[in-house]
């Protein structure tokens, strides 16, 4: 009596056997092996070019970020100077306002 098997019962074994056969064929068939290696080299070269392009883009972005950081530092320093000058002008204005009545009295005394 023959045992009945379901259609998917031996599928994974068949795939493994095909892969093993393919590997054996590559090892015995020199031209197929060379073609396989050439394909691997092409894939590696393509991946390398993509990585180099990404690295170039990253360098450009890093340069832009550095420029923006410099501009931000410059703007921050400018803002600090404007604030300091504003405080000085406000203090000088307050001093002048306090001295203004004294000046008026001095002028009246001279006259």
PDB file of N, CA and C in Angstrom:
ATOM      1  N   UNK A   1       0.809  -1.168   0.000  1.00  0.00           N
ATOM      2  CA  UNK A   1       0.000   0.000   0.000  1.00  0.00           C
ATOM      3  C   UNK A   1       0.859   1.240   0.000  1.00  0.00           C
ATOM      4  N   UNK A   2       0.424   2.174  -0.775  1.00  0.00           N
ATOM      5  CA  UNK A   2       1.191   3.406  -0.899  1.00  0.00           C
ATOM      6  C   UNK A   2       0.595   4.463   0.008  1.00  0.00           C
ATOM      7  N   UNK A   3       1.442   5.154   0.729  1.00  0.00           N
ATOM      8  CA  UNK A   3       0.959   6.205   1.627  1.00  0.00           C
ATOM      9  C   UNK A   3       0.637   7.438   0.807  1.00  0.00           C
ATOM     10  N   UNK A   4      -0.453   8.074   1.143  1.00  0.00           N
ATOM     11  CA  UNK A   4      -0.823   9.306   0.436  1.00  0.00           C
ATOM     12  C   UNK A   4      -0.290  10.491   1.221  1.00  0.00           C
ATOM     13  N   UNK A   5       0.208  11.444   0.480  1.00  0.00           N
ATOM     14  CA  UNK A   5       0.752  12.650   1.112  1.00  0.00           C
ATOM     15  C   UNK A   5      -0.039  13.856   0.641  1.00  0.00           C
ATOM     16  N   UNK A   6      -0.092  14.838   1.506  1.00  0.00           N
ATOM     17  CA  UNK A   6      -0.749  16.081   1.106  1.00  0.00           C
ATOM     18  C   UNK A   6       0.183  16.830   0.159  1.00  0.00           C
ATOM     19  N   UNK A   7      -0.349  17.710  -0.686  1.00  0.00           N
ATOM     20  CA  UNK A   7       0.468  18.379  -1.699  1.00  0.00           C
ATOM     21  C   UNK A   7       1.600  19.210  -1.114  1.00  0.00           C
ATOM     22  N   UNK A   8       1.434  19.778   0.062  1.00  0.00           N
ATOM     23  CA  UNK A   8       2.476  20.644   0.613  1.00  0.00           C
ATOM     24  C   UNK A   8       3.400  19.937   1.580  1.00  0.00           C
ATOM     25  N   UNK A   9       3.253  18.665   1.735  1.00  0.00           N
ATOM     26  CA  UNK A   9       4.009  17.963   2.764  1.00  0.00           C
ATOM     27  C   UNK A   9       5.504  17.961   2.499  1.00  0.00           C
ATOM     28  N   UNK A  10       5.939  17.802   1.279  1.00  0.00           N
ATOM     29  CA  UNK A  10       7.369  17.722   0.999  1.00  0.00           C
ATOM     30  C   UNK A  10       7.912  18.927   0.279  1.00  0.00           C
ATOM     31  N   UNK A  11       7.169  20.020   0.273  1.00  0.00           N
ATOM     32  CA  UNK A  11       7.568  21.204  -0.479  1.00  0.00           C
ATOM     33  C   UNK A  11       8.869  21.813  -0.020  1.00  0.00           C
ATOM     34  N   UNK A  12       9.067  21.901   1.280  1.00  0.00           N
ATOM     35  CA  UNK A  12      10.286  22.540   1.768  1.00  0.00           C
ATOM     36  C   UNK A  12      11.503  21.685   1.449  1.00  0.00           C
ATOM     37  N   UNK A  13      11.347  20.373   1.510  1.00  0.00           N
ATOM     38  CA  UNK A  13      12.465  19.491   1.163  1.00  0.00           C
ATOM     39  C   UNK A  13      12.817  19.651  -0.312  1.00  0.00           C
ATOM     40  N   UNK A  14      11.801  19.775  -1.154  1.00  0.00           N
ATOM     41  CA  UNK A  14      12.040  19.922  -2.592  1.00  0.00           C
ATOM     42  C   UNK A  14      12.784  21.227  -2.877  1.00  0.00           C
ATOM     43  N   UNK A  15      12.390  22.299  -2.175  1.00  0.00           N
ATOM     44  CA  UNK A  15      13.076  23.579  -2.381  1.00  0.00           C
ATOM     45  C   UNK A  15      14.523  23.490  -1.925  1.00  0.00           C
ATOM     46  N   UNK A  16      14.746  22.858  -0.787  1.00  0.00           N
ATOM     47  CA  UNK A  16      16.115  22.702  -0.293  1.00  0.00           C
ATOM     48  C   UNK A  16      16.945  21.867  -1.252  1.00  0.00           C
ATOM     49  N   UNK A  17      16.333  20.849  -1.807  1.00  0.00           N
ATOM     50  CA  UNK A  17      17.050  19.997  -2.757  1.00  0.00           C
ATOM     51  C   UNK A  17      17.398  20.790  -4.014  1.00  0.00           C
ATOM     52  N   UNK A  18      16.473  21.649  -4.459  1.00  0.00           N
ATOM     53  CA  UNK A  18      16.748  22.471  -5.644  1.00  0.00           C
ATOM     54  C   UNK A  18      17.888  23.445  -5.369  1.00  0.00           C
ATOM     55  N   UNK A  19      17.893  24.054  -4.187  1.00  0.00           N
ATOM     56  CA  UNK A  19      18.981  24.974  -3.845  1.00  0.00           C
ATOM     57  C   UNK A  19      20.313  24.241  -3.784  1.00  0.00           C
ATOM     58  N   UNK A  20      20.294  23.054  -3.219  1.00  0.00           N
ATOM     59  CA  UNK A  20      21.528  22.266  -3.158  1.00  0.00           C
ATOM     60  C   UNK A  20      21.995  21.910  -4.562  1.00  0.00           C
ATOM     61  N   UNK A  21      21.040  21.529  -5.419  1.00  0.00           N
ATOM     62  CA  UNK A  21      21.400  21.215  -6.808  1.00  0.00           C
ATOM     63  C   UNK A  21      21.969  22.444  -7.511  1.00  0.00           C
ATOM     64  N   UNK A  22      21.379  23.614  -7.257  1.00  0.00           N
ATOM     65  CA  UNK A  22      21.858  24.853  -7.877  1.00  0.00           C
ATOM     66  C   UNK A  22      23.282  25.153  -7.418  1.00  0.00           C
ATOM     67  N   UNK A  23      23.535  24.974  -6.122  1.00  0.00           N
ATOM     68  CA  UNK A  23      24.889  25.207  -5.607  1.00  0.00           C
ATOM     69  C   UNK A  23      25.888  24.241  -6.238  1.00  0.00           C
ATOM     70  N   UNK A  24      25.501  22.991  -6.336  1.00  0.00           N
ATOM     71  CA  UNK A  24      26.393  22.000  -6.953  1.00  0.00           C
ATOM     72  C   UNK A  24      26.660  22.364  -8.411  1.00  0.00           C
ATOM     73  N   UNK A  25      25.607  22.809  -9.108  1.00  0.00           N
ATOM     74  CA  UNK A  25      25.769  23.187 -10.511  1.00  0.00           C
ATOM     75  C   UNK A  25      26.721  24.369 -10.621  1.00  0.00           C
ATOM     76  N   UNK A  26      26.586  25.347  -9.714  1.00  0.00           N
ATOM     77  CA  UNK A  26      27.482  26.498  -9.749  1.00  0.00           C
ATOM     78  C   UNK A  26      28.928  26.076  -9.502  1.00  0.00           C
ATOM     79  N   UNK A  27      29.114  25.145  -8.615  1.00  0.00           N
ATOM     80  CA  UNK A  27      30.474  24.697  -8.325  1.00  0.00           C
ATOM     81  C   UNK A  27      31.065  23.891  -9.474  1.00  0.00           C
ATOM     82  N   UNK A  28      30.232  23.166 -10.194  1.00  0.00           N
ATOM     83  CA  UNK A  28      30.757  22.334 -11.285  1.00  0.00           C
ATOM     84  C   UNK A  28      30.760  23.072 -12.613  1.00  0.00           C
ATOM     85  N   UNK A  29      29.817  23.982 -12.819  1.00  0.00           N
ATOM     86  CA  UNK A  29      29.738  24.712 -14.087  1.00  0.00           C
ATOM     87  C   UNK A  29      30.484  26.036 -13.914  1.00  0.00           C
ATOM     88  N   UNK A  30      31.661  26.104 -14.481  1.00  0.00           N
ATOM     89  CA  UNK A  30      32.535  27.258 -14.293  1.00  0.00           C
ATOM     90  C   UNK A  30      31.905  28.549 -14.815  1.00  0.00           C
ATOM     91  N   UNK A  31      31.288  28.503 -15.966  1.00  0.00           N
ATOM     92  CA  UNK A  31      30.672  29.701 -16.549  1.00  0.00           C
ATOM     93  C   UNK A  31      29.528  30.219 -15.682  1.00  0.00           C
ATOM     94  N   UNK A  32      28.731  29.302 -15.161  1.00  0.00           N
ATOM     95  CA  UNK A  32      27.625  29.718 -14.297  1.00  0.00           C
ATOM     96  C   UNK A  32      28.171  30.358 -13.027  1.00  0.00           C
ATOM     97  N   UNK A  33      29.240  29.812 -12.491  1.00  0.00           N
ATOM     98  CA  UNK A  33      29.841  30.356 -11.276  1.00  0.00           C
ATOM     99  C   UNK A  33      30.425  31.743 -11.530  1.00  0.00           C
ATOM    100  N   UNK A  34      31.083  31.915 -12.656  1.00  0.00           N
ATOM    101  CA  UNK A  34      31.640  33.230 -13.009  1.00  0.00           C
ATOM    102  C   UNK A  34      30.514  34.247 -13.181  1.00  0.00           C
ATOM    103  N   UNK A  35      29.431  33.843 -13.836  1.00  0.00           N
ATOM    104  CA  UNK A  35      28.289  34.738 -14.013  1.00  0.00           C
ATOM    105  C   UNK A  35      27.695  35.114 -12.655  1.00  0.00           C
ATOM    106  N   UNK A  36      27.622  34.145 -11.757  1.00  0.00           N
ATOM    107  CA  UNK A  36      27.122  34.402 -10.409  1.00  0.00           C
ATOM    108  C   UNK A  36      28.011  35.420  -9.691  1.00  0.00           C
ATOM    109  N   UNK A  37      29.312  35.228  -9.767  1.00  0.00           N
ATOM    110  CA  UNK A  37      30.243  36.154  -9.118  1.00  0.00           C
ATOM    111  C   UNK A  37      30.153  37.554  -9.727  1.00  0.00           C
ATOM    112  N   UNK A  38      30.033  37.630 -11.053  1.00  0.00           N
ATOM    113  CA  UNK A  38      29.893  38.936 -11.712  1.00  0.00           C
ATOM    114  C   UNK A  38      28.632  39.642 -11.236  1.00  0.00           C
ATOM    115  N   UNK A  39      27.565  38.882 -11.091  1.00  0.00           N
ATOM    116  CA  UNK A  39      26.311  39.452 -10.599  1.00  0.00           C
ATOM    117  C   UNK A  39      26.489  39.990  -9.178  1.00  0.00           C
ATOM    118  N   UNK A  40      27.185  39.252  -8.349  1.00  0.00           N
ATOM    119  CA  UNK A  40      27.432  39.696  -6.976  1.00  0.00           C
ATOM    120  C   UNK A  40      28.284  40.969  -6.953  1.00  0.00           C
ATOM    121  N   UNK A  41      29.274  41.038  -7.835  1.00  0.00           N
ATOM    122  CA  UNK A  41      30.123  42.236  -7.914  1.00  0.00           C
ATOM    123  C   UNK A  41      29.299  43.438  -8.357  1.00  0.00           C
ATOM    124  N   UNK A  42      28.426  43.246  -9.337  1.00  0.00           N
ATOM    125  CA  UNK A  42      27.572  44.341  -9.805  1.00  0.00           C
ATOM    126  C   UNK A  42      26.664  44.831  -8.680  1.00  0.00           C
ATOM    127  N   UNK A  43      26.090  43.909  -7.938  1.00  0.00           N
ATOM    128  CA  UNK A  43      25.221  44.295  -6.825  1.00  0.00           C
ATOM    129  C   UNK A  43      26.013  45.048  -5.759  1.00  0.00           C
ATOM    130  N   UNK A  44      27.225  44.587  -5.495  1.00  0.00           N
ATOM    131  CA  UNK A  44      28.072  45.262  -4.507  1.00  0.00           C
ATOM    132  C   UNK A  44      28.446  46.662  -4.976  1.00  0.00           C
ATOM    133  N   UNK A  45      28.784  46.795  -6.259  1.00  0.00           N
ATOM    134  CA  UNK A  45      29.135  48.112  -6.805  1.00  0.00           C
ATOM    135  C   UNK A  45      27.953  49.070  -6.736  1.00  0.00           C
ATOM    136  N   UNK A  46      26.763  48.562  -7.043  1.00  0.00           N
ATOM    137  CA  UNK A  46      25.565  49.395  -6.975  1.00  0.00           C
ATOM    138  C   UNK A  46      25.333  49.872  -5.543  1.00  0.00           C
ATOM    139  N   UNK A  47      25.476  48.954  -4.601  1.00  0.00           N
ATOM    140  CA  UNK A  47      25.298  49.326  -3.194  1.00  0.00           C
ATOM    141  C   UNK A  47      26.349  50.347  -2.771  1.00  0.00           C
ATOM    142  N   UNK A  48      27.576  50.173  -3.223  1.00  0.00           N
ATOM    143  CA  UNK A  48      28.650  51.107  -2.886  1.00  0.00           C
ATOM    144  C   UNK A  48      28.359  52.502  -3.436  1.00  0.00           C
ATOM    145  N   UNK A  49      27.885  52.575  -4.673  1.00  0.00           N
ATOM    146  CA  UNK A  49      27.553  53.876  -5.259  1.00  0.00           C
ATOM    147  C   UNK A  49      26.434  54.565  -4.481  1.00  0.00           C
ATOM    148  N   UNK A  50      25.455  53.787  -4.041  1.00  0.00           N
ATOM    149  CA  UNK A  50      24.366  54.365  -3.256  1.00  0.00           C
ATOM    150  C   UNK A  50      24.883  54.892  -1.921  1.00  0.00           C
ATOM    151  N   UNK A  51      25.776  54.158  -1.299  1.00  0.00           N
ATOM    152  CA  UNK A  51      26.343  54.591  -0.020  1.00  0.00           C
ATOM    153  C   UNK A  51      27.177  55.851  -0.214  1.00  0.00           C
ATOM    154  N   UNK A  52      27.964  55.902  -1.280  1.00  0.00           N
ATOM    155  CA  UNK A  52      28.776  57.093  -1.541  1.00  0.00           C
ATOM    156  C   UNK A  52      27.898  58.310  -1.796  1.00  0.00           C
ATOM    157  N   UNK A  53      26.797  58.120  -2.531  1.00  0.00           N
ATOM    158  CA  UNK A  53      25.879  59.235  -2.782  1.00  0.00           C
ATOM    159  C   UNK A  53      25.251  59.713  -1.477  1.00  0.00           C
ATOM    160  N   UNK A  54      24.871  58.776  -0.628  1.00  0.00           N
ATOM    161  CA  UNK A  54      24.285  59.149   0.663  1.00  0.00           C
ATOM    162  C   UNK A  54      25.313  59.876   1.528  1.00  0.00           C
ATOM    163  N   UNK A  55      26.556  59.418   1.503  1.00  0.00           N
ATOM    164  CA  UNK A  55      27.611  60.074   2.284  1.00  0.00           C
ATOM    165  C   UNK A  55      27.841  61.496   1.785  1.00  0.00           C
ATOM    166  N   UNK A  56      27.807  61.676   0.471  1.00  0.00           N
ATOM    167  CA  UNK A  56      27.976  63.013  -0.098  1.00  0.00           C
ATOM    168  C   UNK A  56      26.834  63.929   0.338  1.00  0.00           C
ATOM    169  N   UNK A  57      25.611  63.406   0.289  1.00  0.00           N
ATOM    170  CA  UNK A  57      24.463  64.192   0.735  1.00  0.00           C
ATOM    171  C   UNK A  57      24.582  64.554   2.210  1.00  0.00           C
ATOM    172  N   UNK A  58      25.054  63.614   3.013  1.00  0.00           N
ATOM    173  CA  UNK A  58      25.231  63.888   4.440  1.00  0.00           C
ATOM    174  C   UNK A  58      26.277  64.973   4.674  1.00  0.00           C
ATOM    175  N   UNK A  59      27.352  64.948   3.879  1.00  0.00           N
ATOM    176  CA  UNK A  59      28.373  65.997   4.017  1.00  0.00           C
ATOM    177  C   UNK A  59      27.780  67.364   3.682  1.00  0.00           C
ATOM    178  N   UNK A  60      26.970  67.431   2.624  1.00  0.00           N
ATOM    179  CA  UNK A  60      26.327  68.697   2.265  1.00  0.00           C
ATOM    180  C   UNK A  60      25.400  69.173   3.382  1.00  0.00           C
ATOM    181  N   UNK A  61      24.618  68.258   3.920  1.00  0.00           N
ATOM    182  CA  UNK A  61      23.714  68.627   5.004  1.00  0.00           C
ATOM    183  C   UNK A  61      24.480  69.096   6.230  1.00  0.00           C
ATOM    184  N   UNK A  62      25.579  68.425   6.529  1.00  0.00           N
ATOM    185  CA  UNK A  62      26.388  68.821   7.686  1.00  0.00           C
ATOM    186  C   UNK A  62      26.945  70.235   7.485  1.00  0.00           C
ATOM    187  N   UNK A  63      27.379  70.540   6.264  1.00  0.00           N
ATOM    188  CA  UNK A  63      27.861  71.885   5.967  1.00  0.00           C
ATOM    189  C   UNK A  63      26.772  72.924   6.155  1.00  0.00           C
ATOM    190  N   UNK A  64      25.564  72.601   5.712  1.00  0.00           N
ATOM    191  CA  UNK A  64      24.448  73.535   5.878  1.00  0.00           C
ATOM    192  C   UNK A  64      24.111  73.735   7.351  1.00  0.00           C
ATOM    193  N   UNK A  65      24.128  72.646   8.100  1.00  0.00           N
ATOM    194  CA  UNK A  65      23.848  72.746   9.538  1.00  0.00           C
ATOM    195  C   UNK A  65      24.908  73.601  10.219  1.00  0.00           C
ATOM    196  N   UNK A  66      26.172  73.403   9.856  1.00  0.00           N
ATOM    197  CA  UNK A  66      27.246  74.219  10.440  1.00  0.00           C
ATOM    198  C   UNK A  66      27.042  75.699  10.122  1.00  0.00           C
ATOM    199  N   UNK A  67      26.676  76.007   8.868  1.00  0.00           N
ATOM    200  CA  UNK A  67      26.414  77.403   8.491  1.00  0.00           C
ATOM    201  C   UNK A  67      25.262  77.988   9.309  1.00  0.00           C
ATOM    202  N   UNK A  68      24.199  77.204   9.455  1.00  0.00           N
ATOM    203  CA  UNK A  68      23.055  77.687  10.226  1.00  0.00           C
ATOM    204  C   UNK A  68      23.413  77.889  11.695  1.00  0.00           C
ATOM    205  N   UNK A  69      24.243  77.010  12.240  1.00  0.00           N
ATOM    206  CA  UNK A  69      24.676  77.180  13.629  1.00  0.00           C
ATOM    207  C   UNK A  69      25.485  78.465  13.791  1.00  0.00           C
ATOM    208  N   UNK A  70      26.362  78.764  12.832  1.00  0.00           N
ATOM    209  CA  UNK A  70      27.137  80.001  12.887  1.00  0.00           C
ATOM    210  C   UNK A  70      26.223  81.219  12.820  1.00  0.00           C
ATOM    211  N   UNK A  71      25.233  81.176  11.923  1.00  0.00           N
ATOM    212  CA  UNK A  71      24.300  82.295  11.805  1.00  0.00           C
ATOM    213  C   UNK A  71      23.494  82.467  13.086  1.00  0.00           C
ATOM    214  N   UNK A  72      23.101  81.356  13.676  1.00  0.00           N
ATOM    215  CA  UNK A  72      22.340  81.426  14.921  1.00  0.00           C
ATOM    216  C   UNK A  72      23.182  82.020  16.044  1.00  0.00           C
ATOM    217  N   UNK A  73      24.435  81.621  16.140  1.00  0.00           N
ATOM    218  CA  UNK A  73      25.323  82.184  17.162  1.00  0.00           C
ATOM    219  C   UNK A  73      25.528  83.677  16.934  1.00  0.00           C
ATOM    220  N   UNK A  74      25.701  84.061  15.675  1.00  0.00           N
ATOM    221  CA  UNK A  74      25.881  85.475  15.354  1.00  0.00           C
ATOM    222  C   UNK A  74      24.626  86.273  15.711  1.00  0.00           C
ATOM    223  N   UNK A  75      23.471  85.733  15.374  1.00  0.00           N
ATOM    224  CA  UNK A  75      22.213  86.413  15.700  1.00  0.00           C
ATOM    225  C   UNK A  75      22.024  86.516  17.208  1.00  0.00           C
ATOM    226  N   UNK A  76      22.388  85.466  17.909  1.00  0.00           N
ATOM    227  CA  UNK A  76      22.269  85.476  19.370  1.00  0.00           C
ATOM    228  C   UNK A  76      23.168  86.546  19.973  1.00  0.00           C
ATOM    229  N   UNK A  77      24.378  86.633  19.483  1.00  0.00           N
ATOM    230  CA  UNK A  77      25.322  87.649  19.979  1.00  0.00           C
ATOM    231  C   UNK A  77      24.807  89.055  19.657  1.00  0.00           C
ATOM    232  N   UNK A  78      24.282  89.238  18.458  1.00  0.00           N
ATOM    233  CA  UNK A  78      23.718  90.538  18.076  1.00  0.00           C
ATOM    234  C   UNK A  78      22.563  90.898  19.001  1.00  0.00           C
ATOM    235  N   UNK A  79      21.706  89.943  19.295  1.00  0.00           N
ATOM    236  CA  UNK A  79      20.571  90.183  20.175  1.00  0.00           C
ATOM    237  C   UNK A  79      21.047  90.588  21.575  1.00  0.00           C
ATOM    238  N   UNK A  80      22.079  89.908  22.075  1.00  0.00           N
ATOM    239  CA  UNK A  80      22.623  90.259  23.390  1.00  0.00           C
ATOM    240  C   UNK A  80      23.161  91.688  23.390  1.00  0.00           C
ATOM    241  N   UNK A  81      23.852  92.074  22.324  1.00  0.00           N
ATOM    242  CA  UNK A  81      24.394  93.437  22.237  1.00  0.00           C
ATOM    243  C   UNK A  81      23.278  94.474  22.166  1.00  0.00           C
ATOM    244  N   UNK A  82      22.225  94.184  21.413  1.00  0.00           N
ATOM    245  CA  UNK A  82      21.091  95.107  21.308  1.00  0.00           C
ATOM    246  C   UNK A  82      20.425  95.264  22.669  1.00  0.00           C
ATOM    247  N   UNK A  83      20.266  94.165  23.388  1.00  0.00           N
ATOM    248  CA  UNK A  83      19.665  94.252  24.718  1.00  0.00           C
ATOM    249  C   UNK A  83      20.536  95.075  25.663  1.00  0.00           C
ATOM    250  N   UNK A  84      21.838  94.845  25.632  1.00  0.00           N
ATOM    251  CA  UNK A  84      22.749  95.595  26.504  1.00  0.00           C
ATOM    252  C   UNK A  84      22.700  97.084  26.174  1.00  0.00           C
ATOM    253  N   UNK A  85      22.683  97.412  24.888  1.00  0.00           N
ATOM    254  CA  UNK A  85      22.628  98.818  24.491  1.00  0.00           C
ATOM    255  C   UNK A  85      21.295  99.434  24.907  1.00  0.00           C
ATOM    256  N   UNK A  86      20.229  98.687  24.781  1.00  0.00           N
ATOM    257  CA  UNK A  86      18.913  99.186  25.180  1.00  0.00           C
ATOM    258  C   UNK A  86      18.873  99.487  26.675  1.00  0.00           C
ATOM    259  N   UNK A  87      19.454  98.597  27.471  1.00  0.00           N
ATOM    260  CA  UNK A  87      19.505  98.821  28.922  1.00  0.00           C
ATOM    261  C   UNK A  87      20.333 100.063  29.224  1.00  0.00           C
ATOM    262  N   UNK A  88      21.475 100.207  28.552  1.00  0.00           N
ATOM    263  CA  UNK A  88      22.326 101.380  28.784  1.00  0.00           C
ATOM    264  C   UNK A  88      21.600 102.661  28.400  1.00  0.00           C
ATOM    265  N   UNK A  89      20.908 102.638  27.267  1.00  0.00           N
ATOM    266  CA  UNK A  89      20.181 103.836  26.832  1.00  0.00           C
ATOM    267  C   UNK A  89      19.052 104.159  27.807  1.00  0.00           C
ATOM    268  N   UNK A  90      18.382 103.127  28.292  1.00  0.00           N
ATOM    269  CA  UNK A  90      17.298 103.351  29.250  1.00  0.00           C
ATOM    270  C   UNK A  90      17.839 103.952  30.547  1.00  0.00           C
ATOM    271  N   UNK A  91      18.966 103.408  31.017  1.00  0.00           N
ATOM    272  CA  UNK A  91      19.581 103.942  32.239  1.00  0.00           C
ATOM    273  C   UNK A  91      20.065 105.373  32.020  1.00  0.00           C
ATOM    274  N   UNK A  92      20.656 105.640  30.865  1.00  0.00           N
ATOM    275  CA  UNK A  92      21.127 107.001  30.566  1.00  0.00           C
ATOM    276  C   UNK A  92      19.946 107.960  30.469  1.00  0.00           C
ATOM    277  N   UNK A  93      18.856 107.504  29.883  1.00  0.00           N
ATOM    278  CA  UNK A  93      17.656 108.339  29.795  1.00  0.00           C
ATOM    279  C   UNK A  93      17.081 108.633  31.161  1.00  0.00           C
ATOM    280  N   UNK A  94      17.104 107.657  32.048  1.00  0.00           N
ATOM    281  CA  UNK A  94      16.600 107.861  33.412  1.00  0.00           C
ATOM    282  C   UNK A  94      17.493 108.840  34.162  1.00  0.00           C
ATOM    283  N   UNK A  95      18.804 108.738  33.975  1.00  0.00           N
ATOM    284  CA  UNK A  95      19.730 109.675  34.623  1.00  0.00           C
ATOM    285  C   UNK A  95      19.501 111.087  34.097  1.00  0.00           C
ATOM    286  N   UNK A  96      19.337 111.220  32.776  1.00  0.00           N
ATOM    287  CA  UNK A  96      19.094 112.549  32.185  1.00  0.00           C
ATOM    288  C   UNK A  96      17.781 113.134  32.684  1.00  0.00           C
ATOM    289  N   UNK A  97      16.783 112.291  32.825  1.00  0.00           N
ATOM    290  CA  UNK A  97      15.490 112.780  33.314  1.00  0.00           C
ATOM    291  C   UNK A  97      15.617 113.253  34.756  1.00  0.00           C
ATOM    292  N   UNK A  98      16.429 112.546  35.539  1.00  0.00           N
ATOM    293  CA  UNK A  98      16.622 112.957  36.933  1.00  0.00           C
ATOM    294  C   UNK A  98      17.442 114.241  37.003  1.00  0.00           C
ATOM    295  N   UNK A  99      18.389 114.415  36.103  1.00  0.00           N
ATOM    296  CA  UNK A  99      19.225 115.612  36.100  1.00  0.00           C
ATOM    297  C   UNK A  99      18.529 116.799  35.447  1.00  0.00           C
ATOM    298  N   UNK A 100      17.547 116.577  34.663  1.00  0.00           N
ATOM    299  CA  UNK A 100      16.890 117.646  33.914  1.00  0.00           C
ATOM    300  C   UNK A 100      16.346 118.756  34.823  1.00  0.00           C
ATOM    301  N   UNK A 101      15.649 118.454  35.896  1.00  0.00           N
ATOM    302  CA  UNK A 101      15.187 119.552  36.769  1.00  0.00           C
ATOM    303  C   UNK A 101      16.346 120.310  37.398  1.00  0.00           C
ATOM    304  N   UNK A 102      17.441 119.622  37.714  1.00  0.00           N
ATOM    305  CA  UNK A 102      18.594 120.315  38.294  1.00  0.00           C
ATOM    306  C   UNK A 102      19.211 121.266  37.278  1.00  0.00           C
ATOM    307  N   UNK A 103      19.255 120.844  36.035  1.00  0.00           N
ATOM    308  CA  UNK A 103      19.782 121.729  34.988  1.00  0.00           C
ATOM    309  C   UNK A 103      18.908 122.968  34.848  1.00  0.00           C
ATOM    310  N   UNK A 104      17.625 122.762  34.926  1.00  0.00           N
ATOM    311  CA  UNK A 104      16.707 123.883  34.792  1.00  0.00           C
ATOM    312  C   UNK A 104      16.950 124.898  35.924  1.00  0.00           C
ATOM    313  N   UNK A 105      17.163 124.390  37.097  1.00  0.00           N
ATOM    314  CA  UNK A 105      17.428 125.279  38.229  1.00  0.00           C
ATOM    315  C   UNK A 105      18.759 125.998  38.062  1.00  0.00           C
ATOM    316  N   UNK A 106      19.763 125.288  37.556  1.00  0.00           N
ATOM    317  CA  UNK A 106      21.077 125.907  37.350  1.00  0.00           C
ATOM    318  C   UNK A 106      20.973 127.011  36.314  1.00  0.00           C
ATOM    319  N   UNK A 107      20.223 126.790  35.276  1.00  0.00           N
ATOM    320  CA  UNK A 107      20.062 127.808  34.234  1.00  0.00           C
ATOM    321  C   UNK A 107      19.338 129.023  34.811  1.00  0.00           C
ATOM    322  N   UNK A 108      18.329 128.784  35.615  1.00  0.00           N
ATOM    323  CA  UNK A 108      17.597 129.894  36.216  1.00  0.00           C
ATOM    324  C   UNK A 108      18.478 130.691  37.174  1.00  0.00           C
ATOM    325  N   UNK A 109      19.369 130.007  37.876  1.00  0.00           N
ATOM    326  CA  UNK A 109      20.264 130.692  38.803  1.00  0.00           C
ATOM    327  C   UNK A 109      21.265 131.557  38.057  1.00  0.00           C
ATOM    328  N   UNK A 110      21.713 131.092  36.920  1.00  0.00           N
ATOM    329  CA  UNK A 110      22.679 131.839  36.138  1.00  0.00           C
ATOM    330  C   UNK A 110      22.019 133.086  35.567  1.00  0.00           C
ATOM    331  N   UNK A 111      20.803 133.018  35.227  1.00  0.00           N
ATOM    332  CA  UNK A 111      20.128 134.163  34.633  1.00  0.00           C
ATOM    333  C   UNK A 111      19.828 135.151  35.703  1.00  0.00           C
TER     334      UNK A 111
END
